[in-house]
Amino acid sequence: MLSADSADSETGRLCRGDEKGSIMEHPLVVGVDGSNASLDAVDWGADAAARYGIPLRIVYASRWERYEGHLPDWSTERPSERVMEETIVGVAAERASRRVPELDVTTYLAPDEPVEALLAEGQRAKAVVVGHRGRGRLTSLLLGSVGLGVAARAHCPVIVVRGRTGNIRGEACKVALGVSERAAGTTAATFALEEAALRHCTVEAVHAWRCAGTEVPEQCGAHGEYRAEHERRAAELMDGVLNKPVAAFPQVTVEYRTVEGAPGTVLVAASHAADLLVVGAHRRQGHAGLQLGLVNHTVLHHAQCPVAVVPEP
């Protein structure tokens, strides 16, 4: 569905530079670059925007004009770079509109580096959605530099669309939530339960623990006192994180699971049976960006479903 200010484009208003258009305050933003991974992000974003009842804003960012200069004013030739970027956002917008016909879709060509452009868009977005790989020579990387850069620095939730096709499509009917002592806030938990409520599915809250090197190995066994203490602390942590969010979404069934093992490995395993894996990240003291940490890096690179990184206050 096109808004009144976007009627000059078949699939949504095309903005350049600082021209933003009259877009709602908190749309769902999707970064595109023409790759198949970014088209997966468009599909995921269109479905999510429809669930939230908000517009979808498709963003392509490039600084080619700065690096390659402008054509003379008298030239009637359209730069190939301009044709390419308009084609990329046009295809993405048409794809989203065909997928969800009633969706309000707008597009924006940002004259900036991709990470910086998406971070700016994230200041006024419900969330930012990106694909897990780019379309350049670095497509073999497990997670593209844009996805990682945005996930590490955004002020809103960032969803990296990755994993198996069935998980991306939402066939598991489950949202997994990683609960860690390092990011034991309630913002990520609230995000996970809201997603589950909109999807009409369950939440599996997972906390992994490991015996410390100073603890006696035989007392970390199935009936060891250290194991019992770890499980007691894990249960207290889960209750502290989830009590308020669960009360806010009483319609959502929440399964609590504490597991002995490496947290990254445990969460990647949980992602196999989930439509979305939600993890929290705290701000770094004295630095710009989030404390993604080894666990979040692991799931961003290896999860079998889309991953949402949610900033905790």
C-alpha atoms as a PDB file:
ATOM      1  CA  MET A   1       0.000   0.000   0.000  1.00  0.00           C
ATOM      2  CA  LEU A   2       1.456   3.363  -1.031  1.00  0.00           C
ATOM      3  CA  SER A   3       1.154   6.423   1.160  1.00  0.00           C
ATOM      4  CA  ALA A   4      -0.043   9.675  -0.384  1.00  0.00           C
ATOM      5  CA  ASP A   5       3.457  11.148  -0.452  1.00  0.00           C
ATOM      6  CA  SER A   6       4.852   8.136  -2.305  1.00  0.00           C
ATOM      7  CA  ALA A   7       2.431   8.053  -5.227  1.00  0.00           C
ATOM      8  CA  ASP A   8       5.156   9.176  -7.652  1.00  0.00           C
ATOM      9  CA  SER A   9       6.707   5.691  -7.541  1.00  0.00           C
ATOM     10  CA  GLU A  10       5.001   2.438  -8.451  1.00  0.00           C
ATOM     11  CA  THR A  11       6.445   0.644  -5.424  1.00  0.00           C
ATOM     12  CA  GLY A  12       7.032   3.511  -3.018  1.00  0.00           C
ATOM     13  CA  ARG A  13       8.612   6.936  -2.837  1.00  0.00           C
ATOM     14  CA  LEU A  14      12.259   7.045  -3.866  1.00  0.00           C
ATOM     15  CA  CYS A  15      14.208   9.532  -1.721  1.00  0.00           C
ATOM     16  CA  ARG A  16      17.746  10.778  -2.226  1.00  0.00           C
ATOM     17  CA  GLY A  17      20.107  12.724  -0.031  1.00  0.00           C
ATOM     18  CA  ASP A  18      18.370  14.399   2.881  1.00  0.00           C
ATOM     19  CA  GLU A  19      14.904  14.065   1.376  1.00  0.00           C
ATOM     20  CA  LYS A  20      13.198  11.729   3.840  1.00  0.00           C
ATOM     21  CA  GLY A  21       9.558  12.021   2.861  1.00  0.00           C
ATOM     22  CA  SER A  22       6.790  11.970   5.465  1.00  0.00           C
ATOM     23  CA  ILE A  23       7.633   8.561   6.895  1.00  0.00           C
ATOM     24  CA  MET A  24       6.252   7.343  10.195  1.00  0.00           C
ATOM     25  CA  GLU A  25       8.525   7.746  13.182  1.00  0.00           C
ATOM     26  CA  HIS A  26       9.420   4.114  13.687  1.00  0.00           C
ATOM     27  CA  PRO A  27       9.372   2.026  10.499  1.00  0.00           C
ATOM     28  CA  LEU A  28      11.145  -1.279  10.070  1.00  0.00           C
ATOM     29  CA  VAL A  29      14.329  -0.583   8.093  1.00  0.00           C
ATOM     30  CA  VAL A  30      15.870  -3.118   5.704  1.00  0.00           C
ATOM     31  CA  GLY A  31      19.314  -2.611   4.215  1.00  0.00           C
ATOM     32  CA  VAL A  32      19.708  -3.910   0.655  1.00  0.00           C
ATOM     33  CA  ASP A  33      22.655  -4.281  -1.712  1.00  0.00           C
ATOM     34  CA  GLY A  34      21.257  -6.414  -4.516  1.00  0.00           C
ATOM     35  CA  SER A  35      22.474  -9.727  -3.092  1.00  0.00           C
ATOM     36  CA  ASN A  36      20.278 -12.767  -2.563  1.00  0.00           C
ATOM     37  CA  ALA A  37      20.894 -12.441   1.173  1.00  0.00           C
ATOM     38  CA  SER A  38      19.484  -8.919   1.172  1.00  0.00           C
ATOM     39  CA  LEU A  39      16.411 -10.111  -0.720  1.00  0.00           C
ATOM     40  CA  ASP A  40      15.890 -12.685   2.043  1.00  0.00           C
ATOM     41  CA  ALA A  41      16.088  -9.749   4.456  1.00  0.00           C
ATOM     42  CA  VAL A  42      13.422  -7.918   2.428  1.00  0.00           C
ATOM     43  CA  ASP A  43      11.086 -10.916   2.641  1.00  0.00           C
ATOM     44  CA  TRP A  44      11.684 -11.257   6.390  1.00  0.00           C
ATOM     45  CA  GLY A  45      11.275  -7.528   6.913  1.00  0.00           C
ATOM     46  CA  ALA A  46       8.033  -7.345   4.941  1.00  0.00           C
ATOM     47  CA  ASP A  47       6.499 -10.116   7.047  1.00  0.00           C
ATOM     48  CA  ALA A  48       7.750  -8.518  10.282  1.00  0.00           C
ATOM     49  CA  ALA A  49       6.494  -5.039   9.342  1.00  0.00           C
ATOM     50  CA  ALA A  50       3.081  -6.533   8.593  1.00  0.00           C
ATOM     51  CA  ARG A  51       3.039  -8.236  12.006  1.00  0.00           C
ATOM     52  CA  TYR A  52       3.931  -4.979  13.729  1.00  0.00           C
ATOM     53  CA  GLY A  53       1.565  -2.898  11.621  1.00  0.00           C
ATOM     54  CA  ILE A  54       4.291  -0.416  10.624  1.00  0.00           C
ATOM     55  CA  PRO A  55       5.807   0.750   7.313  1.00  0.00           C
ATOM     56  CA  LEU A  56       8.778  -0.922   5.657  1.00  0.00           C
ATOM     57  CA  ARG A  57      11.662   1.379   4.693  1.00  0.00           C
ATOM     58  CA  ILE A  58      14.152  -0.042   2.186  1.00  0.00           C
ATOM     59  CA  VAL A  59      17.585   1.594   2.243  1.00  0.00           C
ATOM     60  CA  TYR A  60      20.469   1.373  -0.191  1.00  0.00           C
ATOM     61  CA  ALA A  61      23.660   3.240   0.716  1.00  0.00           C
ATOM     62  CA  SER A  62      26.602   4.215  -1.457  1.00  0.00           C
ATOM     63  CA  ARG A  63      29.118   7.060  -1.752  1.00  0.00           C
ATOM     64  CA  TRP A  64      29.943   6.522  -5.422  1.00  0.00           C
ATOM     65  CA  GLU A  65      29.223  10.187  -6.222  1.00  0.00           C
ATOM     66  CA  ARG A  66      31.872  11.282  -3.762  1.00  0.00           C
ATOM     67  CA  TYR A  67      34.533   8.922  -5.060  1.00  0.00           C
ATOM     68  CA  GLU A  68      33.836   9.098  -8.772  1.00  0.00           C
ATOM     69  CA  GLY A  69      32.543  12.638  -9.176  1.00  0.00           C
ATOM     70  CA  HIS A  70      29.462  13.982 -10.943  1.00  0.00           C
ATOM     71  CA  LEU A  71      28.673  14.146 -14.627  1.00  0.00           C
ATOM     72  CA  PRO A  72      28.675  17.668 -16.109  1.00  0.00           C
ATOM     73  CA  ASP A  73      25.406  19.545 -15.695  1.00  0.00           C
ATOM     74  CA  TRP A  74      24.875  19.568 -19.452  1.00  0.00           C
ATOM     75  CA  SER A  75      25.097  15.781 -19.728  1.00  0.00           C
ATOM     76  CA  THR A  76      21.876  13.861 -20.397  1.00  0.00           C
ATOM     77  CA  GLU A  77      23.492  10.527 -19.594  1.00  0.00           C
ATOM     78  CA  ARG A  78      22.391   8.796 -16.398  1.00  0.00           C
ATOM     79  CA  PRO A  79      25.339   7.363 -14.450  1.00  0.00           C
ATOM     80  CA  SER A  80      25.384   3.578 -14.428  1.00  0.00           C
ATOM     81  CA  GLU A  81      25.756   3.641 -10.643  1.00  0.00           C
ATOM     82  CA  ARG A  82      22.534   5.643 -10.317  1.00  0.00           C
ATOM     83  CA  VAL A  83      20.699   3.229 -12.607  1.00  0.00           C
ATOM     84  CA  MET A  84      22.004   0.296 -10.559  1.00  0.00           C
ATOM     85  CA  GLU A  85      20.975   1.676  -7.166  1.00  0.00           C
ATOM     86  CA  GLU A  86      17.522   2.665  -8.393  1.00  0.00           C
ATOM     87  CA  THR A  87      17.092  -0.810  -9.849  1.00  0.00           C
ATOM     88  CA  ILE A  88      18.153  -2.467  -6.580  1.00  0.00           C
ATOM     89  CA  VAL A  89      15.692  -0.549  -4.413  1.00  0.00           C
ATOM     90  CA  GLY A  90      12.981  -0.781  -7.054  1.00  0.00           C
ATOM     91  CA  VAL A  91      13.242  -4.563  -7.248  1.00  0.00           C
ATOM     92  CA  ALA A  92      13.312  -4.825  -3.447  1.00  0.00           C
ATOM     93  CA  ALA A  93      10.267  -2.568  -3.041  1.00  0.00           C
ATOM     94  CA  GLU A  94       8.277  -4.437  -5.678  1.00  0.00           C
ATOM     95  CA  ARG A  95       9.199  -7.738  -4.025  1.00  0.00           C
ATOM     96  CA  ALA A  96       7.977  -6.494  -0.627  1.00  0.00           C
ATOM     97  CA  SER A  97       4.757  -5.084  -2.098  1.00  0.00           C
ATOM     98  CA  ARG A  98       3.983  -8.331  -3.899  1.00  0.00           C
ATOM     99  CA  ARG A  99       4.665 -10.315  -0.749  1.00  0.00           C
ATOM    100  CA  VAL A 100       2.454  -8.109   1.465  1.00  0.00           C
ATOM    101  CA  PRO A 101       0.176  -6.072  -0.838  1.00  0.00           C
ATOM    102  CA  GLU A 102      -1.234  -3.856   1.925  1.00  0.00           C
ATOM    103  CA  LEU A 103       2.209  -2.897   3.258  1.00  0.00           C
ATOM    104  CA  ASP A 104       3.334   0.745   3.186  1.00  0.00           C
ATOM    105  CA  VAL A 105       6.723   0.541   1.439  1.00  0.00           C
ATOM    106  CA  THR A 106       9.149   3.418   0.929  1.00  0.00           C
ATOM    107  CA  THR A 107      12.700   3.508  -0.379  1.00  0.00           C
ATOM    108  CA  TYR A 108      15.721   5.686   0.317  1.00  0.00           C
ATOM    109  CA  LEU A 109      19.051   6.108  -1.458  1.00  0.00           C
ATOM    110  CA  ALA A 110      21.510   7.183   1.225  1.00  0.00           C
ATOM    111  CA  PRO A 111      24.679   9.030   0.127  1.00  0.00           C
ATOM    112  CA  ASP A 112      26.794   7.418   2.827  1.00  0.00           C
ATOM    113  CA  GLU A 113      28.704   4.291   3.754  1.00  0.00           C
ATOM    114  CA  PRO A 114      26.281   1.381   4.377  1.00  0.00           C
ATOM    115  CA  VAL A 115      27.048   0.934   8.082  1.00  0.00           C
ATOM    116  CA  GLU A 116      26.795   4.645   8.838  1.00  0.00           C
ATOM    117  CA  ALA A 117      23.586   4.998   6.830  1.00  0.00           C
ATOM    118  CA  LEU A 118      21.868   2.101   8.602  1.00  0.00           C
ATOM    119  CA  LEU A 119      23.026   3.324  12.008  1.00  0.00           C
ATOM    120  CA  ALA A 120      21.464   6.721  11.248  1.00  0.00           C
ATOM    121  CA  GLU A 121      18.251   5.045  10.108  1.00  0.00           C
ATOM    122  CA  GLY A 122      18.243   2.967  13.276  1.00  0.00           C
ATOM    123  CA  GLN A 123      17.922   6.100  15.389  1.00  0.00           C
ATOM    124  CA  ARG A 124      14.264   6.281  14.355  1.00  0.00           C
ATOM    125  CA  ALA A 125      13.446   2.665  13.528  1.00  0.00           C
ATOM    126  CA  LYS A 126      11.635  -0.161  15.246  1.00  0.00           C
ATOM    127  CA  ALA A 127      14.530  -2.374  14.136  1.00  0.00           C
ATOM    128  CA  VAL A 128      17.079  -2.720  11.347  1.00  0.00           C
ATOM    129  CA  VAL A 129      17.141  -5.886   9.234  1.00  0.00           C
ATOM    130  CA  VAL A 130      20.151  -6.988   7.194  1.00  0.00           C
ATOM    131  CA  GLY A 131      21.220 -10.052   5.266  1.00  0.00           C
ATOM    132  CA  HIS A 132      24.101 -12.135   6.505  1.00  0.00           C
ATOM    133  CA  ARG A 133      26.308 -11.637   3.457  1.00  0.00           C
ATOM    134  CA  GLY A 134      27.070  -8.920   0.942  1.00  0.00           C
ATOM    135  CA  ARG A 135      27.447  -9.091  -2.823  1.00  0.00           C
ATOM    136  CA  GLY A 136      31.108  -8.139  -3.212  1.00  0.00           C
ATOM    137  CA  ARG A 137      34.313 -10.156  -3.170  1.00  0.00           C
ATOM    138  CA  LEU A 138      33.846 -10.883   0.541  1.00  0.00           C
ATOM    139  CA  THR A 139      30.636 -12.895   0.175  1.00  0.00           C
ATOM    140  CA  SER A 140      32.393 -15.986   1.474  1.00  0.00           C
ATOM    141  CA  LEU A 141      32.620 -14.454   4.952  1.00  0.00           C
ATOM    142  CA  LEU A 142      30.280 -16.027   7.475  1.00  0.00           C
ATOM    143  CA  LEU A 143      28.868 -12.616   8.318  1.00  0.00           C
ATOM    144  CA  GLY A 144      29.400  -9.549   6.177  1.00  0.00           C
ATOM    145  CA  SER A 145      31.138  -6.485   7.580  1.00  0.00           C
ATOM    146  CA  VAL A 146      27.982  -4.393   7.207  1.00  0.00           C
ATOM    147  CA  GLY A 147      25.846  -6.797   9.233  1.00  0.00           C
ATOM    148  CA  LEU A 148      28.451  -7.076  11.952  1.00  0.00           C
ATOM    149  CA  GLY A 149      29.109  -3.337  12.057  1.00  0.00           C
ATOM    150  CA  VAL A 150      25.423  -2.471  12.374  1.00  0.00           C
ATOM    151  CA  ALA A 151      24.757  -5.181  14.967  1.00  0.00           C
ATOM    152  CA  ALA A 152      27.654  -3.924  17.079  1.00  0.00           C
ATOM    153  CA  ARG A 153      26.723  -0.244  17.081  1.00  0.00           C
ATOM    154  CA  ALA A 154      22.982   0.254  16.522  1.00  0.00           C
ATOM    155  CA  HIS A 155      20.728   1.811  19.151  1.00  0.00           C
ATOM    156  CA  CYS A 156      17.775  -0.360  18.113  1.00  0.00           C
ATOM    157  CA  PRO A 157      17.392  -4.116  17.663  1.00  0.00           C
ATOM    158  CA  VAL A 158      19.236  -5.506  14.641  1.00  0.00           C
ATOM    159  CA  ILE A 159      18.081  -8.690  12.944  1.00  0.00           C
ATOM    160  CA  VAL A 160      20.581 -10.593  10.829  1.00  0.00           C
ATOM    161  CA  VAL A 161      18.625 -12.870   8.503  1.00  0.00           C
ATOM    162  CA  ARG A 162      20.502 -16.121   8.171  1.00  0.00           C
ATOM    163  CA  GLY A 163      20.043 -19.859   8.577  1.00  0.00           C
ATOM    164  CA  ARG A 164      18.030 -22.573   6.915  1.00  0.00           C
ATOM    165  CA  THR A 165      15.093 -21.751   4.679  1.00  0.00           C
ATOM    166  CA  GLY A 166      12.491 -23.334   6.955  1.00  0.00           C
ATOM    167  CA  ASN A 167      13.756 -21.410   9.973  1.00  0.00           C
ATOM    168  CA  ILE A 168      13.717 -18.123   8.067  1.00  0.00           C
ATOM    169  CA  ARG A 169      10.147 -18.822   6.938  1.00  0.00           C
ATOM    170  CA  GLY A 170       9.003 -19.407  10.529  1.00  0.00           C
ATOM    171  CA  GLU A 171       8.200 -23.103  10.305  1.00  0.00           C
ATOM    172  CA  ALA A 172       9.517 -23.972  13.797  1.00  0.00           C
ATOM    173  CA  CYS A 173       6.894 -21.895  15.638  1.00  0.00           C
ATOM    174  CA  LYS A 174       9.376 -21.014  18.393  1.00  0.00           C
ATOM    175  CA  VAL A 175      11.468 -18.010  19.466  1.00  0.00           C
ATOM    176  CA  ALA A 176      14.689 -18.838  21.328  1.00  0.00           C
ATOM    177  CA  LEU A 177      15.996 -16.384  23.919  1.00  0.00           C
ATOM    178  CA  GLY A 178      19.549 -16.481  25.183  1.00  0.00           C
ATOM    179  CA  VAL A 179      19.748 -15.460  28.847  1.00  0.00           C
ATOM    180  CA  SER A 180      23.240 -14.662  30.071  1.00  0.00           C
ATOM    181  CA  GLU A 181      24.650 -13.108  33.210  1.00  0.00           C
ATOM    182  CA  ARG A 182      26.594 -10.656  31.054  1.00  0.00           C
ATOM    183  CA  ALA A 183      23.464  -9.185  29.464  1.00  0.00           C
ATOM    184  CA  ALA A 184      20.837 -10.009  32.056  1.00  0.00           C
ATOM    185  CA  GLY A 185      18.474  -7.139  31.236  1.00  0.00           C
ATOM    186  CA  THR A 186      14.813  -7.426  30.367  1.00  0.00           C
ATOM    187  CA  THR A 187      14.812  -5.579  27.009  1.00  0.00           C
ATOM    188  CA  ALA A 188      15.831  -8.617  24.961  1.00  0.00           C
ATOM    189  CA  ALA A 189      13.356 -10.804  26.856  1.00  0.00           C
ATOM    190  CA  THR A 190      10.547  -8.326  26.172  1.00  0.00           C
ATOM    191  CA  PHE A 191      11.492  -8.255  22.478  1.00  0.00           C
ATOM    192  CA  ALA A 192      11.419 -12.060  22.329  1.00  0.00           C
ATOM    193  CA  LEU A 193       8.015 -12.314  23.998  1.00  0.00           C
ATOM    194  CA  GLU A 194       6.548  -9.596  21.786  1.00  0.00           C
ATOM    195  CA  GLU A 195       7.761 -11.487  18.718  1.00  0.00           C
ATOM    196  CA  ALA A 196       6.289 -14.714  20.050  1.00  0.00           C
ATOM    197  CA  ALA A 197       2.962 -13.039  20.807  1.00  0.00           C
ATOM    198  CA  LEU A 198       2.725 -11.686  17.256  1.00  0.00           C
ATOM    199  CA  ARG A 199       3.755 -15.030  15.775  1.00  0.00           C
ATOM    200  CA  HIS A 200       1.449 -17.013  18.108  1.00  0.00           C
ATOM    201  CA  CYS A 201       4.318 -19.267  19.123  1.00  0.00           C
ATOM    202  CA  THR A 202       6.295 -20.264  22.221  1.00  0.00           C
ATOM    203  CA  VAL A 203       9.509 -18.895  23.723  1.00  0.00           C
ATOM    204  CA  GLU A 204      12.365 -21.143  24.781  1.00  0.00           C
ATOM    205  CA  ALA A 205      14.534 -19.266  27.293  1.00  0.00           C
ATOM    206  CA  VAL A 206      17.996 -20.842  27.422  1.00  0.00           C
ATOM    207  CA  HIS A 207      20.821 -20.275  29.896  1.00  0.00           C
ATOM    208  CA  ALA A 208      24.120 -22.158  29.643  1.00  0.00           C
ATOM    209  CA  TRP A 209      26.558 -22.592  32.511  1.00  0.00           C
ATOM    210  CA  ARG A 210      29.914 -24.289  32.970  1.00  0.00           C
ATOM    211  CA  CYS A 211      31.854 -25.475  36.006  1.00  0.00           C
ATOM    212  CA  ALA A 212      34.832 -23.260  36.759  1.00  0.00           C
ATOM    213  CA  GLY A 213      38.338 -24.650  36.496  1.00  0.00           C
ATOM    214  CA  THR A 214      38.792 -24.370  40.264  1.00  0.00           C
ATOM    215  CA  GLU A 215      35.811 -26.605  40.998  1.00  0.00           C
ATOM    216  CA  VAL A 216      36.270 -30.300  41.686  1.00  0.00           C
ATOM    217  CA  PRO A 217      35.329 -32.190  38.472  1.00  0.00           C
ATOM    218  CA  GLU A 218      33.518 -35.034  40.224  1.00  0.00           C
ATOM    219  CA  GLN A 219      31.344 -32.517  42.052  1.00  0.00           C
ATOM    220  CA  CYS A 220      30.139 -31.103  38.729  1.00  0.00           C
ATOM    221  CA  GLY A 221      28.567 -34.402  37.707  1.00  0.00           C
ATOM    222  CA  ALA A 222      24.885 -35.213  37.523  1.00  0.00           C
ATOM    223  CA  HIS A 223      24.460 -35.049  41.307  1.00  0.00           C
ATOM    224  CA  GLY A 224      27.431 -32.889  42.323  1.00  0.00           C
ATOM    225  CA  GLU A 225      27.020 -29.985  44.719  1.00  0.00           C
ATOM    226  CA  TYR A 226      28.581 -27.522  42.269  1.00  0.00           C
ATOM    227  CA  ARG A 227      26.141 -28.552  39.568  1.00  0.00           C
ATOM    228  CA  ALA A 228      23.229 -28.024  41.947  1.00  0.00           C
ATOM    229  CA  GLU A 229      24.562 -24.586  42.855  1.00  0.00           C
ATOM    230  CA  HIS A 230      24.964 -23.607  39.201  1.00  0.00           C
ATOM    231  CA  GLU A 231      21.440 -24.733  38.417  1.00  0.00           C
ATOM    232  CA  ARG A 232      20.068 -22.819  41.403  1.00  0.00           C
ATOM    233  CA  ARG A 233      21.802 -19.635  40.265  1.00  0.00           C
ATOM    234  CA  ALA A 234      20.611 -20.203  36.702  1.00  0.00           C
ATOM    235  CA  ALA A 235      17.004 -20.539  37.873  1.00  0.00           C
ATOM    236  CA  GLU A 236      17.287 -17.313  39.891  1.00  0.00           C
ATOM    237  CA  LEU A 237      18.785 -15.501  36.899  1.00  0.00           C
ATOM    238  CA  MET A 238      16.022 -16.704  34.592  1.00  0.00           C
ATOM    239  CA  ASP A 239      13.328 -15.642  37.050  1.00  0.00           C
ATOM    240  CA  GLY A 240      14.877 -12.208  37.482  1.00  0.00           C
ATOM    241  CA  VAL A 241      15.091 -11.609  33.750  1.00  0.00           C
ATOM    242  CA  LEU A 242      11.724 -13.055  32.739  1.00  0.00           C
ATOM    243  CA  ASN A 243       9.274 -12.258  35.542  1.00  0.00           C
ATOM    244  CA  LYS A 244       8.187  -8.842  34.246  1.00  0.00           C
ATOM    245  CA  PRO A 245       8.181  -9.678  30.504  1.00  0.00           C
ATOM    246  CA  VAL A 246       6.207 -12.878  31.143  1.00  0.00           C
ATOM    247  CA  ALA A 247       3.653 -10.924  33.163  1.00  0.00           C
ATOM    248  CA  ALA A 248       3.311  -8.468  30.270  1.00  0.00           C
ATOM    249  CA  PHE A 249       2.616 -11.247  27.753  1.00  0.00           C
ATOM    250  CA  PRO A 250       0.521 -13.822  29.630  1.00  0.00           C
ATOM    251  CA  GLN A 251      -0.663 -15.359  26.356  1.00  0.00           C
ATOM    252  CA  VAL A 252       2.850 -16.580  25.512  1.00  0.00           C
ATOM    253  CA  THR A 253       4.053 -19.973  26.741  1.00  0.00           C
ATOM    254  CA  VAL A 254       7.634 -19.788  27.995  1.00  0.00           C
ATOM    255  CA  GLU A 255       9.840 -22.852  28.411  1.00  0.00           C
ATOM    256  CA  TYR A 256      12.818 -22.489  30.754  1.00  0.00           C
ATOM    257  CA  ARG A 257      15.962 -24.510  29.988  1.00  0.00           C
ATOM    258  CA  THR A 258      19.325 -24.466  31.756  1.00  0.00           C
ATOM    259  CA  VAL A 259      22.137 -26.392  30.101  1.00  0.00           C
ATOM    260  CA  GLU A 260      25.690 -27.236  31.082  1.00  0.00           C
ATOM    261  CA  GLY A 261      27.929 -26.316  28.179  1.00  0.00           C
ATOM    262  CA  ALA A 262      29.569 -23.538  26.200  1.00  0.00           C
ATOM    263  CA  PRO A 263      26.941 -20.779  25.745  1.00  0.00           C
ATOM    264  CA  GLY A 264      27.655 -20.198  22.064  1.00  0.00           C
ATOM    265  CA  THR A 265      27.420 -23.892  21.256  1.00  0.00           C
ATOM    266  CA  VAL A 266      24.229 -24.260  23.293  1.00  0.00           C
ATOM    267  CA  LEU A 267      22.528 -21.304  21.575  1.00  0.00           C
ATOM    268  CA  VAL A 268      23.545 -22.421  18.086  1.00  0.00           C
ATOM    269  CA  ALA A 269      22.011 -25.808  18.893  1.00  0.00           C
ATOM    270  CA  ALA A 270      18.822 -24.077  20.075  1.00  0.00           C
ATOM    271  CA  SER A 271      18.675 -22.108  16.811  1.00  0.00           C
ATOM    272  CA  HIS A 272      18.124 -25.326  14.834  1.00  0.00           C
ATOM    273  CA  ALA A 273      14.570 -25.512  16.196  1.00  0.00           C
ATOM    274  CA  ALA A 274      13.762 -21.770  16.257  1.00  0.00           C
ATOM    275  CA  ASP A 275      12.414 -19.113  13.911  1.00  0.00           C
ATOM    276  CA  LEU A 276      14.364 -16.376  15.694  1.00  0.00           C
ATOM    277  CA  LEU A 277      17.182 -16.335  18.240  1.00  0.00           C
ATOM    278  CA  VAL A 278      17.193 -13.255  20.485  1.00  0.00           C
ATOM    279  CA  VAL A 279      20.289 -12.169  22.403  1.00  0.00           C
ATOM    280  CA  GLY A 280      20.991  -9.052  24.439  1.00  0.00           C
ATOM    281  CA  ALA A 281      24.077  -6.833  24.409  1.00  0.00           C
ATOM    282  CA  HIS A 282      25.117  -4.075  26.817  1.00  0.00           C
ATOM    283  CA  ARG A 283      26.741  -0.771  25.955  1.00  0.00           C
ATOM    284  CA  ARG A 284      30.485  -0.636  26.471  1.00  0.00           C
ATOM    285  CA  GLN A 285      31.562   1.841  29.111  1.00  0.00           C
ATOM    286  CA  GLY A 286      33.457   4.713  27.519  1.00  0.00           C
ATOM    287  CA  HIS A 287      33.152   3.325  23.984  1.00  0.00           C
ATOM    288  CA  ALA A 288      30.724   3.583  21.093  1.00  0.00           C
ATOM    289  CA  GLY A 289      28.910   0.355  20.438  1.00  0.00           C
ATOM    290  CA  LEU A 290      27.846  -2.795  22.226  1.00  0.00           C
ATOM    291  CA  GLN A 291      29.641  -5.577  24.029  1.00  0.00           C
ATOM    292  CA  LEU A 292      28.809  -8.270  21.523  1.00  0.00           C
ATOM    293  CA  GLY A 293      31.229 -10.711  23.087  1.00  0.00           C
ATOM    294  CA  LEU A 294      32.263 -14.169  21.939  1.00  0.00           C
ATOM    295  CA  VAL A 295      28.819 -15.732  22.400  1.00  0.00           C
ATOM    296  CA  ASN A 296      27.013 -13.169  20.240  1.00  0.00           C
ATOM    297  CA  HIS A 297      29.724 -13.368  17.596  1.00  0.00           C
ATOM    298  CA  THR A 298      29.310 -17.139  17.568  1.00  0.00           C
ATOM    299  CA  VAL A 299      25.561 -17.049  17.001  1.00  0.00           C
ATOM    300  CA  LEU A 300      25.815 -14.268  14.410  1.00  0.00           C
ATOM    301  CA  HIS A 301      28.206 -16.423  12.408  1.00  0.00           C
ATOM    302  CA  HIS A 302      26.737 -19.877  12.946  1.00  0.00           C
ATOM    303  CA  ALA A 303      23.046 -19.760  13.960  1.00  0.00           C
ATOM    304  CA  GLN A 304      20.592 -21.718  11.834  1.00  0.00           C
ATOM    305  CA  CYS A 305      17.859 -19.078  12.144  1.00  0.00           C
ATOM    306  CA  PRO A 306      17.682 -15.266  12.053  1.00  0.00           C
ATOM    307  CA  VAL A 307      19.400 -13.583  15.009  1.00  0.00           C
ATOM    308  CA  ALA A 308      18.133 -10.463  16.794  1.00  0.00           C
ATOM    309  CA  VAL A 309      20.723  -8.480  18.765  1.00  0.00           C
ATOM    310  CA  VAL A 310      18.855  -6.267  21.233  1.00  0.00           C
ATOM    311  CA  PRO A 311      20.674  -3.430  23.056  1.00  0.00           C
ATOM    312  CA  GLU A 312      20.216  -3.526  26.819  1.00  0.00           C
ATOM    313  CA  PRO A 313      20.298  -0.241  28.775  1.00  0.00           C
END
